[in-house]
């Protein structure tokens, strides 16, 4: 099943943010493409795609890929986009793209490693697979009577998010982005978004934005109040969320990205839940206007 990032609904959300999107299909290859601004220019981005159905390809796999990339180049040239960035989910797709000009790059939009919990396990099995410190911290949160529930209090979450960003030194989207994300997906959409808050004595001290698509839920964004760190609210938040997802038939819970160098603390937290690590091929660029792509790479090298 393709990622939620390759759905019509996610493209409509991107359009609501002011970004153009395109739907490419060539034989048994399909891709939803987003146009991102790039300091007066632009680049095209295929998030967790393209989707390549190699089993159904006729006329030669390389010929299908070649035709798809020709369409992609044509689109990029029409849009005056400096390069195309793609982050495929499977090695076979990455290998096919590399054979036709894409180059591996370290500049990722979405992380290429994640932790996924299989929810078909019993609660006892899930607990036993956790790091002992994670189990202990869940008990600490229980002792402090941390309450977890769905919420519409976006302001409380944004306050926590800004505290977390300042503490851990990571960038944020605008407040408007999070508000729109939480409001955009309505009943009938294949994507569902929930805001979950964990409270101590009626004060929100941790929160998470959870996206669900198909039988998988994703931990997209999280925040917590460091002043209340001894209450271990994030542990109760995720444990209650895992139990809720199990009860409602979800198969997997994706912690949505780990990176020991960029986010060491967050990565330790996510690994502590005992899920399986999944690694995707990474990020690949196809230069379209080579002079401007060189300028882009030089700028990145100086200001990374």
C-alpha atoms as a PDB file:
ATOM      1  CA  UNK A   1       0.000   0.000   0.000  1.00  0.00           C
ATOM      2  CA  UNK A   2       1.449   3.407  -0.951  1.00  0.00           C
ATOM      3  CA  UNK A   3       2.243   5.914   1.806  1.00  0.00           C
ATOM      4  CA  UNK A   4      -0.371   8.470   2.859  1.00  0.00           C
ATOM      5  CA  UNK A   5       2.086  10.996   1.368  1.00  0.00           C
ATOM      6  CA  UNK A   6       1.127   9.590  -2.053  1.00  0.00           C
ATOM      7  CA  UNK A   7      -2.625  10.064  -1.675  1.00  0.00           C
ATOM      8  CA  UNK A   8      -4.978  12.496  -3.371  1.00  0.00           C
ATOM      9  CA  UNK A   9      -6.034  13.789   0.044  1.00  0.00           C
ATOM     10  CA  UNK A  10      -2.460  14.673   1.023  1.00  0.00           C
ATOM     11  CA  UNK A  11      -2.006  16.504  -2.282  1.00  0.00           C
ATOM     12  CA  UNK A  12      -5.174  18.484  -1.582  1.00  0.00           C
ATOM     13  CA  UNK A  13      -3.721  19.426   1.795  1.00  0.00           C
ATOM     14  CA  UNK A  14      -0.526  20.576   0.062  1.00  0.00           C
ATOM     15  CA  UNK A  15      -2.611  22.731  -2.288  1.00  0.00           C
ATOM     16  CA  UNK A  16      -4.308  24.296   0.740  1.00  0.00           C
ATOM     17  CA  UNK A  17      -0.819  25.356   1.866  1.00  0.00           C
ATOM     18  CA  UNK A  18      -0.278  27.118  -1.441  1.00  0.00           C
ATOM     19  CA  UNK A  19       1.862  24.411  -3.080  1.00  0.00           C
ATOM     20  CA  UNK A  20       1.174  23.098  -6.564  1.00  0.00           C
ATOM     21  CA  UNK A  21       0.952  19.349  -7.001  1.00  0.00           C
ATOM     22  CA  UNK A  22       0.948  17.058 -10.002  1.00  0.00           C
ATOM     23  CA  UNK A  23      -0.204  13.518 -10.667  1.00  0.00           C
ATOM     24  CA  UNK A  24       2.067  11.538 -12.994  1.00  0.00           C
ATOM     25  CA  UNK A  25       1.266   8.102 -14.419  1.00  0.00           C
ATOM     26  CA  UNK A  26       3.343   6.244 -16.963  1.00  0.00           C
ATOM     27  CA  UNK A  27       2.456   2.613 -17.525  1.00  0.00           C
ATOM     28  CA  UNK A  28       2.692   0.932 -14.133  1.00  0.00           C
ATOM     29  CA  UNK A  29       4.542   3.787 -12.448  1.00  0.00           C
ATOM     30  CA  UNK A  30       2.705   6.536 -10.603  1.00  0.00           C
ATOM     31  CA  UNK A  31       3.742   9.488  -8.493  1.00  0.00           C
ATOM     32  CA  UNK A  32       2.186  12.396  -6.681  1.00  0.00           C
ATOM     33  CA  UNK A  33       4.599  15.337  -7.071  1.00  0.00           C
ATOM     34  CA  UNK A  34       4.775  18.511  -4.954  1.00  0.00           C
ATOM     35  CA  UNK A  35       6.370  21.758  -6.093  1.00  0.00           C
ATOM     36  CA  UNK A  36       8.425  23.404  -3.343  1.00  0.00           C
ATOM     37  CA  UNK A  37       9.749  26.956  -3.464  1.00  0.00           C
ATOM     38  CA  UNK A  38      13.533  27.281  -3.323  1.00  0.00           C
ATOM     39  CA  UNK A  39      14.765  30.857  -2.797  1.00  0.00           C
ATOM     40  CA  UNK A  40      13.147  32.329  -5.883  1.00  0.00           C
ATOM     41  CA  UNK A  41      13.217  29.046  -7.753  1.00  0.00           C
ATOM     42  CA  UNK A  42      11.683  25.633  -7.070  1.00  0.00           C
ATOM     43  CA  UNK A  43      12.224  21.905  -6.941  1.00  0.00           C
ATOM     44  CA  UNK A  44       9.854  18.977  -7.423  1.00  0.00           C
ATOM     45  CA  UNK A  45       9.468  16.443  -4.646  1.00  0.00           C
ATOM     46  CA  UNK A  46       8.049  12.909  -4.685  1.00  0.00           C
ATOM     47  CA  UNK A  47       7.456  11.937  -1.029  1.00  0.00           C
ATOM     48  CA  UNK A  48       7.836   8.193  -0.352  1.00  0.00           C
ATOM     49  CA  UNK A  49       7.433   7.414  -4.018  1.00  0.00           C
ATOM     50  CA  UNK A  50       7.161   6.758  -6.900  1.00  0.00           C
ATOM     51  CA  UNK A  51       5.106   3.579  -6.781  1.00  0.00           C
ATOM     52  CA  UNK A  52       6.471   1.078  -9.299  1.00  0.00           C
ATOM     53  CA  UNK A  53       4.534  -2.100 -10.038  1.00  0.00           C
ATOM     54  CA  UNK A  54       7.370  -4.129 -11.550  1.00  0.00           C
ATOM     55  CA  UNK A  55       5.286  -7.328 -11.744  1.00  0.00           C
ATOM     56  CA  UNK A  56       2.803  -5.736 -14.130  1.00  0.00           C
ATOM     57  CA  UNK A  57       5.261  -3.917 -16.388  1.00  0.00           C
ATOM     58  CA  UNK A  58       5.272  -4.919 -20.035  1.00  0.00           C
ATOM     59  CA  UNK A  59       7.749  -3.964 -22.731  1.00  0.00           C
ATOM     60  CA  UNK A  60      10.749  -4.012 -20.415  1.00  0.00           C
ATOM     61  CA  UNK A  61      11.177  -2.495 -16.987  1.00  0.00           C
ATOM     62  CA  UNK A  62      13.881  -0.038 -18.029  1.00  0.00           C
ATOM     63  CA  UNK A  63      11.720   1.242 -20.871  1.00  0.00           C
ATOM     64  CA  UNK A  64       8.859   1.965 -18.446  1.00  0.00           C
ATOM     65  CA  UNK A  65      11.191   3.775 -16.052  1.00  0.00           C
ATOM     66  CA  UNK A  66      12.799   5.724 -18.901  1.00  0.00           C
ATOM     67  CA  UNK A  67       9.415   6.951 -20.113  1.00  0.00           C
ATOM     68  CA  UNK A  68       8.381   7.931 -16.590  1.00  0.00           C
ATOM     69  CA  UNK A  69      11.578   9.922 -16.035  1.00  0.00           C
ATOM     70  CA  UNK A  70      11.134  11.637 -19.396  1.00  0.00           C
ATOM     71  CA  UNK A  71       7.691  12.807 -18.230  1.00  0.00           C
ATOM     72  CA  UNK A  72       9.215  13.928 -14.938  1.00  0.00           C
ATOM     73  CA  UNK A  73      11.954  15.920 -16.687  1.00  0.00           C
ATOM     74  CA  UNK A  74       9.420  17.523 -18.992  1.00  0.00           C
ATOM     75  CA  UNK A  75       7.312  18.604 -16.016  1.00  0.00           C
ATOM     76  CA  UNK A  76      10.361  19.995 -14.189  1.00  0.00           C
ATOM     77  CA  UNK A  77      11.441  21.964 -17.252  1.00  0.00           C
ATOM     78  CA  UNK A  78       7.970  23.429 -17.715  1.00  0.00           C
ATOM     79  CA  UNK A  79       7.912  24.464 -14.050  1.00  0.00           C
ATOM     80  CA  UNK A  80      11.509  25.747 -14.196  1.00  0.00           C
ATOM     81  CA  UNK A  81      12.372  23.483 -11.266  1.00  0.00           C
ATOM     82  CA  UNK A  82      16.085  23.133 -10.514  1.00  0.00           C
ATOM     83  CA  UNK A  83      15.918  19.446  -9.641  1.00  0.00           C
ATOM     84  CA  UNK A  84      13.623  16.565  -8.750  1.00  0.00           C
ATOM     85  CA  UNK A  85      13.910  14.937  -5.334  1.00  0.00           C
ATOM     86  CA  UNK A  86      12.457  11.517  -4.639  1.00  0.00           C
ATOM     87  CA  UNK A  87      12.425   9.319  -1.538  1.00  0.00           C
ATOM     88  CA  UNK A  88      11.290   5.846  -2.638  1.00  0.00           C
ATOM     89  CA  UNK A  89      10.175   3.270  -0.093  1.00  0.00           C
ATOM     90  CA  UNK A  90      11.714   0.183  -1.713  1.00  0.00           C
ATOM     91  CA  UNK A  91      15.219  -0.646  -2.924  1.00  0.00           C
ATOM     92  CA  UNK A  92      14.056  -1.863  -6.336  1.00  0.00           C
ATOM     93  CA  UNK A  93      12.541   1.545  -7.133  1.00  0.00           C
ATOM     94  CA  UNK A  94      15.672   3.351  -5.902  1.00  0.00           C
ATOM     95  CA  UNK A  95      17.912   1.137  -8.041  1.00  0.00           C
ATOM     96  CA  UNK A  96      15.774   1.758 -11.124  1.00  0.00           C
ATOM     97  CA  UNK A  97      15.940   5.527 -10.588  1.00  0.00           C
ATOM     98  CA  UNK A  98      19.715   5.501 -10.077  1.00  0.00           C
ATOM     99  CA  UNK A  99      20.168   3.622 -13.358  1.00  0.00           C
ATOM    100  CA  UNK A 100      18.463   6.550 -15.074  1.00  0.00           C
ATOM    101  CA  UNK A 101      20.309   9.513 -13.618  1.00  0.00           C
ATOM    102  CA  UNK A 102      19.184  10.001 -10.017  1.00  0.00           C
ATOM    103  CA  UNK A 103      22.002  10.521  -7.495  1.00  0.00           C
ATOM    104  CA  UNK A 104      22.014   9.677  -3.783  1.00  0.00           C
ATOM    105  CA  UNK A 105      21.969  12.732  -1.495  1.00  0.00           C
ATOM    106  CA  UNK A 106      22.167  13.235   2.247  1.00  0.00           C
ATOM    107  CA  UNK A 107      19.565  16.018   2.203  1.00  0.00           C
ATOM    108  CA  UNK A 108      16.321  14.321   3.255  1.00  0.00           C
ATOM    109  CA  UNK A 109      12.833  15.763   3.592  1.00  0.00           C
ATOM    110  CA  UNK A 110      11.536  12.747   5.515  1.00  0.00           C
ATOM    111  CA  UNK A 111      13.804  10.467   7.564  1.00  0.00           C
ATOM    112  CA  UNK A 112      14.832   7.179   5.978  1.00  0.00           C
ATOM    113  CA  UNK A 113      14.696   5.230   9.250  1.00  0.00           C
ATOM    114  CA  UNK A 114      11.766   4.664  11.552  1.00  0.00           C
ATOM    115  CA  UNK A 115      10.491   2.418  14.333  1.00  0.00           C
ATOM    116  CA  UNK A 116       7.275   0.461  13.801  1.00  0.00           C
ATOM    117  CA  UNK A 117       5.323  -1.403  16.474  1.00  0.00           C
ATOM    118  CA  UNK A 118       3.298  -4.421  15.359  1.00  0.00           C
ATOM    119  CA  UNK A 119      -0.047  -4.114  17.118  1.00  0.00           C
ATOM    120  CA  UNK A 120      -1.097  -7.724  16.581  1.00  0.00           C
ATOM    121  CA  UNK A 121       0.963  -8.580  19.679  1.00  0.00           C
ATOM    122  CA  UNK A 122      -0.765  -8.818  23.051  1.00  0.00           C
ATOM    123  CA  UNK A 123      -0.302  -6.036  25.607  1.00  0.00           C
ATOM    124  CA  UNK A 124       1.923  -8.335  27.653  1.00  0.00           C
ATOM    125  CA  UNK A 125       4.057  -9.081  24.590  1.00  0.00           C
ATOM    126  CA  UNK A 126       4.342  -5.382  23.803  1.00  0.00           C
ATOM    127  CA  UNK A 127       5.388  -4.597  27.363  1.00  0.00           C
ATOM    128  CA  UNK A 128       7.954  -7.394  27.461  1.00  0.00           C
ATOM    129  CA  UNK A 129       9.550  -6.182  24.207  1.00  0.00           C
ATOM    130  CA  UNK A 130      10.077  -2.661  25.592  1.00  0.00           C
ATOM    131  CA  UNK A 131      13.262  -1.441  27.206  1.00  0.00           C
ATOM    132  CA  UNK A 132      12.924  -1.882  30.973  1.00  0.00           C
ATOM    133  CA  UNK A 133      13.194   1.886  31.465  1.00  0.00           C
ATOM    134  CA  UNK A 134      10.202   2.450  29.166  1.00  0.00           C
ATOM    135  CA  UNK A 135       8.084   0.009  31.203  1.00  0.00           C
ATOM    136  CA  UNK A 136       9.239   1.699  34.406  1.00  0.00           C
ATOM    137  CA  UNK A 137       8.361   5.169  33.086  1.00  0.00           C
ATOM    138  CA  UNK A 138       4.854   4.024  32.135  1.00  0.00           C
ATOM    139  CA  UNK A 139       4.387   2.948  35.758  1.00  0.00           C
ATOM    140  CA  UNK A 140       5.725   6.317  36.960  1.00  0.00           C
ATOM    141  CA  UNK A 141       3.163   8.100  34.768  1.00  0.00           C
ATOM    142  CA  UNK A 142       0.414   5.851  36.154  1.00  0.00           C
ATOM    143  CA  UNK A 143       1.512   6.757  39.696  1.00  0.00           C
ATOM    144  CA  UNK A 144       1.153  10.444  38.826  1.00  0.00           C
ATOM    145  CA  UNK A 145      -2.360   9.863  37.399  1.00  0.00           C
ATOM    146  CA  UNK A 146      -1.532  11.148  33.934  1.00  0.00           C
ATOM    147  CA  UNK A 147      -4.761  11.347  31.912  1.00  0.00           C
ATOM    148  CA  UNK A 148      -4.718  10.897  28.114  1.00  0.00           C
ATOM    149  CA  UNK A 149      -7.546  11.954  25.807  1.00  0.00           C
ATOM    150  CA  UNK A 150      -8.354  13.359  22.387  1.00  0.00           C
ATOM    151  CA  UNK A 151      -8.512  17.138  22.439  1.00  0.00           C
ATOM    152  CA  UNK A 152      -9.387  20.182  20.351  1.00  0.00           C
ATOM    153  CA  UNK A 153      -7.109  22.449  22.386  1.00  0.00           C
ATOM    154  CA  UNK A 154      -4.694  23.384  19.608  1.00  0.00           C
ATOM    155  CA  UNK A 155      -3.392  26.391  21.565  1.00  0.00           C
ATOM    156  CA  UNK A 156      -2.246  24.128  24.410  1.00  0.00           C
ATOM    157  CA  UNK A 157      -0.419  21.867  21.962  1.00  0.00           C
ATOM    158  CA  UNK A 158       1.265  24.788  20.213  1.00  0.00           C
ATOM    159  CA  UNK A 159       2.455  26.154  23.554  1.00  0.00           C
ATOM    160  CA  UNK A 160       4.024  22.774  24.331  1.00  0.00           C
ATOM    161  CA  UNK A 161       5.476  22.575  20.831  1.00  0.00           C
ATOM    162  CA  UNK A 162       7.239  25.924  21.101  1.00  0.00           C
ATOM    163  CA  UNK A 163       8.698  24.955  24.476  1.00  0.00           C
ATOM    164  CA  UNK A 164       9.975  21.691  23.012  1.00  0.00           C
ATOM    165  CA  UNK A 165      11.444  23.385  19.941  1.00  0.00           C
ATOM    166  CA  UNK A 166      13.334  25.884  22.082  1.00  0.00           C
ATOM    167  CA  UNK A 167      14.578  23.165  24.435  1.00  0.00           C
ATOM    168  CA  UNK A 168      15.673  20.665  21.775  1.00  0.00           C
ATOM    169  CA  UNK A 169      16.692  23.203  19.119  1.00  0.00           C
ATOM    170  CA  UNK A 170      14.658  21.966  16.163  1.00  0.00           C
ATOM    171  CA  UNK A 171      12.699  23.899  13.565  1.00  0.00           C
ATOM    172  CA  UNK A 172       8.933  24.157  13.360  1.00  0.00           C
ATOM    173  CA  UNK A 173       6.300  24.781  10.756  1.00  0.00           C
ATOM    174  CA  UNK A 174       4.215  27.895  11.259  1.00  0.00           C
ATOM    175  CA  UNK A 175       1.403  27.725  13.804  1.00  0.00           C
ATOM    176  CA  UNK A 176      -0.974  28.008  10.861  1.00  0.00           C
ATOM    177  CA  UNK A 177       0.404  24.780   9.390  1.00  0.00           C
ATOM    178  CA  UNK A 178      -0.471  22.749  12.497  1.00  0.00           C
ATOM    179  CA  UNK A 179      -3.899  24.383  12.763  1.00  0.00           C
ATOM    180  CA  UNK A 180      -4.659  23.587   9.133  1.00  0.00           C
ATOM    181  CA  UNK A 181      -3.322  20.029   9.473  1.00  0.00           C
ATOM    182  CA  UNK A 182      -5.648  19.368  12.406  1.00  0.00           C
ATOM    183  CA  UNK A 183      -8.650  20.956  10.692  1.00  0.00           C
ATOM    184  CA  UNK A 184      -8.233  19.845   7.079  1.00  0.00           C
ATOM    185  CA  UNK A 185      -9.090  16.146   7.009  1.00  0.00           C
ATOM    186  CA  UNK A 186     -12.812  15.668   7.441  1.00  0.00           C
ATOM    187  CA  UNK A 187     -15.130  12.667   7.620  1.00  0.00           C
ATOM    188  CA  UNK A 188     -14.936  10.657   4.418  1.00  0.00           C
ATOM    189  CA  UNK A 189     -11.237  11.217   3.901  1.00  0.00           C
ATOM    190  CA  UNK A 190      -8.965   8.175   3.871  1.00  0.00           C
ATOM    191  CA  UNK A 191      -6.694  10.164   6.207  1.00  0.00           C
ATOM    192  CA  UNK A 192      -7.675  10.974   9.779  1.00  0.00           C
ATOM    193  CA  UNK A 193      -5.848  13.352  12.118  1.00  0.00           C
ATOM    194  CA  UNK A 194      -6.182  13.452  15.907  1.00  0.00           C
ATOM    195  CA  UNK A 195      -4.681  15.649  18.590  1.00  0.00           C
ATOM    196  CA  UNK A 196      -3.962  13.709  21.778  1.00  0.00           C
ATOM    197  CA  UNK A 197      -3.027  15.463  25.024  1.00  0.00           C
ATOM    198  CA  UNK A 198      -1.675  14.040  28.269  1.00  0.00           C
ATOM    199  CA  UNK A 199      -2.569  16.058  31.367  1.00  0.00           C
ATOM    200  CA  UNK A 200      -1.405  16.234  34.966  1.00  0.00           C
ATOM    201  CA  UNK A 201      -3.961  17.717  37.357  1.00  0.00           C
ATOM    202  CA  UNK A 202      -5.900  19.094  34.365  1.00  0.00           C
ATOM    203  CA  UNK A 203      -2.835  20.817  32.884  1.00  0.00           C
ATOM    204  CA  UNK A 204      -1.685  19.595  29.426  1.00  0.00           C
ATOM    205  CA  UNK A 205       1.950  18.521  29.778  1.00  0.00           C
ATOM    206  CA  UNK A 206       2.480  16.440  26.613  1.00  0.00           C
ATOM    207  CA  UNK A 207       0.796  16.138  23.252  1.00  0.00           C
ATOM    208  CA  UNK A 208       0.943  14.402  19.905  1.00  0.00           C
ATOM    209  CA  UNK A 209      -0.578  14.721  16.458  1.00  0.00           C
ATOM    210  CA  UNK A 210      -1.507  11.231  15.250  1.00  0.00           C
ATOM    211  CA  UNK A 211      -2.335  10.525  11.611  1.00  0.00           C
ATOM    212  CA  UNK A 212      -4.094   7.311  10.637  1.00  0.00           C
ATOM    213  CA  UNK A 213      -4.285   5.869   7.139  1.00  0.00           C
ATOM    214  CA  UNK A 214      -5.365   2.345   6.292  1.00  0.00           C
ATOM    215  CA  UNK A 215      -4.386   0.056   9.152  1.00  0.00           C
ATOM    216  CA  UNK A 216      -1.410   2.191  10.260  1.00  0.00           C
ATOM    217  CA  UNK A 217      -1.178   5.138  12.641  1.00  0.00           C
ATOM    218  CA  UNK A 218       1.707   7.613  12.540  1.00  0.00           C
ATOM    219  CA  UNK A 219       3.171   9.753  15.315  1.00  0.00           C
ATOM    220  CA  UNK A 220       3.698  12.889  13.214  1.00  0.00           C
ATOM    221  CA  UNK A 221       4.430  15.593  15.781  1.00  0.00           C
ATOM    222  CA  UNK A 222       4.988  15.567  19.530  1.00  0.00           C
ATOM    223  CA  UNK A 223       5.748  17.966  22.363  1.00  0.00           C
ATOM    224  CA  UNK A 224       6.108  18.019  26.133  1.00  0.00           C
ATOM    225  CA  UNK A 225       6.681  20.394  29.047  1.00  0.00           C
ATOM    226  CA  UNK A 226      10.178  19.816  30.453  1.00  0.00           C
ATOM    227  CA  UNK A 227       9.082  21.258  33.807  1.00  0.00           C
ATOM    228  CA  UNK A 228       6.878  18.168  34.272  1.00  0.00           C
ATOM    229  CA  UNK A 229       9.404  15.644  32.929  1.00  0.00           C
ATOM    230  CA  UNK A 230       9.388  13.664  36.193  1.00  0.00           C
ATOM    231  CA  UNK A 231       5.720  12.729  35.566  1.00  0.00           C
ATOM    232  CA  UNK A 232       6.711  10.822  32.386  1.00  0.00           C
ATOM    233  CA  UNK A 233       3.572  11.951  30.563  1.00  0.00           C
ATOM    234  CA  UNK A 234       4.819  11.112  27.017  1.00  0.00           C
ATOM    235  CA  UNK A 235       5.140   7.458  28.044  1.00  0.00           C
ATOM    236  CA  UNK A 236       1.541   7.275  29.193  1.00  0.00           C
ATOM    237  CA  UNK A 237       0.419   9.157  26.081  1.00  0.00           C
ATOM    238  CA  UNK A 238       1.939   6.606  23.729  1.00  0.00           C
ATOM    239  CA  UNK A 239       0.995   3.575  25.797  1.00  0.00           C
ATOM    240  CA  UNK A 240      -2.639   4.660  25.930  1.00  0.00           C
ATOM    241  CA  UNK A 241      -2.512   5.448  22.228  1.00  0.00           C
ATOM    242  CA  UNK A 242      -1.081   2.009  21.427  1.00  0.00           C
ATOM    243  CA  UNK A 243      -3.833   0.310  23.429  1.00  0.00           C
ATOM    244  CA  UNK A 244      -6.504   2.426  21.728  1.00  0.00           C
ATOM    245  CA  UNK A 245      -5.153   1.595  18.271  1.00  0.00           C
ATOM    246  CA  UNK A 246      -5.106  -2.133  19.093  1.00  0.00           C
ATOM    247  CA  UNK A 247      -8.716  -1.997  20.234  1.00  0.00           C
ATOM    248  CA  UNK A 248      -9.738  -0.304  16.985  1.00  0.00           C
ATOM    249  CA  UNK A 249      -8.100  -2.816  14.684  1.00  0.00           C
ATOM    250  CA  UNK A 250      -4.937  -1.014  13.624  1.00  0.00           C
ATOM    251  CA  UNK A 251      -2.036  -3.260  12.649  1.00  0.00           C
ATOM    252  CA  UNK A 252       0.978  -0.970  13.036  1.00  0.00           C
ATOM    253  CA  UNK A 253       2.091   2.158  14.863  1.00  0.00           C
ATOM    254  CA  UNK A 254       4.824   4.115  13.081  1.00  0.00           C
ATOM    255  CA  UNK A 255       6.926   6.415  15.275  1.00  0.00           C
ATOM    256  CA  UNK A 256       7.806   8.366  12.098  1.00  0.00           C
ATOM    257  CA  UNK A 257      11.505   8.867  12.016  1.00  0.00           C
ATOM    258  CA  UNK A 258      14.676   8.226  13.987  1.00  0.00           C
ATOM    259  CA  UNK A 259      18.149   9.707  13.575  1.00  0.00           C
ATOM    260  CA  UNK A 260      20.792   9.212  16.261  1.00  0.00           C
ATOM    261  CA  UNK A 261      22.823  12.220  15.069  1.00  0.00           C
ATOM    262  CA  UNK A 262      20.070  14.782  14.534  1.00  0.00           C
ATOM    263  CA  UNK A 263      17.662  13.708  17.287  1.00  0.00           C
ATOM    264  CA  UNK A 264      19.530  11.521  19.796  1.00  0.00           C
ATOM    265  CA  UNK A 265      17.079  11.975  22.692  1.00  0.00           C
ATOM    266  CA  UNK A 266      13.960  11.476  20.587  1.00  0.00           C
ATOM    267  CA  UNK A 267      15.549   8.455  18.918  1.00  0.00           C
ATOM    268  CA  UNK A 268      16.342   6.825  22.278  1.00  0.00           C
ATOM    269  CA  UNK A 269      12.749   7.415  23.347  1.00  0.00           C
ATOM    270  CA  UNK A 270      11.337   5.787  20.216  1.00  0.00           C
ATOM    271  CA  UNK A 271      13.725   2.840  20.266  1.00  0.00           C
ATOM    272  CA  UNK A 272      12.740   2.152  23.867  1.00  0.00           C
ATOM    273  CA  UNK A 273       9.310   0.899  22.745  1.00  0.00           C
ATOM    274  CA  UNK A 274      10.828  -2.246  21.260  1.00  0.00           C
ATOM    275  CA  UNK A 275       9.477  -1.911  17.745  1.00  0.00           C
ATOM    276  CA  UNK A 276      11.229  -3.097  14.634  1.00  0.00           C
ATOM    277  CA  UNK A 277      13.522  -0.690  12.849  1.00  0.00           C
ATOM    278  CA  UNK A 278      12.694  -0.066   9.196  1.00  0.00           C
ATOM    279  CA  UNK A 279      15.106   1.587   6.785  1.00  0.00           C
ATOM    280  CA  UNK A 280      14.133   3.077   3.422  1.00  0.00           C
ATOM    281  CA  UNK A 281      16.605   3.715   0.575  1.00  0.00           C
ATOM    282  CA  UNK A 282      16.944   7.433   1.322  1.00  0.00           C
ATOM    283  CA  UNK A 283      16.853  10.564  -0.814  1.00  0.00           C
ATOM    284  CA  UNK A 284      17.810  10.884  -4.494  1.00  0.00           C
ATOM    285  CA  UNK A 285      18.095  13.974  -6.714  1.00  0.00           C
ATOM    286  CA  UNK A 286      17.820  14.368 -10.478  1.00  0.00           C
ATOM    287  CA  UNK A 287      19.400  17.700 -11.582  1.00  0.00           C
ATOM    288  CA  UNK A 288      17.413  19.481 -14.289  1.00  0.00           C
ATOM    289  CA  UNK A 289      19.226  22.819 -14.508  1.00  0.00           C
ATOM    290  CA  UNK A 290      22.745  21.808 -13.625  1.00  0.00           C
ATOM    291  CA  UNK A 291      24.176  25.296 -13.038  1.00  0.00           C
ATOM    292  CA  UNK A 292      21.483  26.180 -10.514  1.00  0.00           C
ATOM    293  CA  UNK A 293      21.744  22.744  -8.917  1.00  0.00           C
ATOM    294  CA  UNK A 294      25.474  23.369  -8.376  1.00  0.00           C
ATOM    295  CA  UNK A 295      24.662  26.725  -6.780  1.00  0.00           C
ATOM    296  CA  UNK A 296      22.111  24.990  -4.563  1.00  0.00           C
ATOM    297  CA  UNK A 297      24.691  22.402  -3.447  1.00  0.00           C
ATOM    298  CA  UNK A 298      27.289  25.082  -2.703  1.00  0.00           C
ATOM    299  CA  UNK A 299      24.747  27.040  -0.662  1.00  0.00           C
ATOM    300  CA  UNK A 300      23.837  23.908   1.277  1.00  0.00           C
ATOM    301  CA  UNK A 301      27.473  23.129   1.979  1.00  0.00           C
ATOM    302  CA  UNK A 302      28.021  26.626   3.401  1.00  0.00           C
ATOM    303  CA  UNK A 303      24.793  27.035   5.373  1.00  0.00           C
ATOM    304  CA  UNK A 304      23.858  23.464   6.312  1.00  0.00           C
END
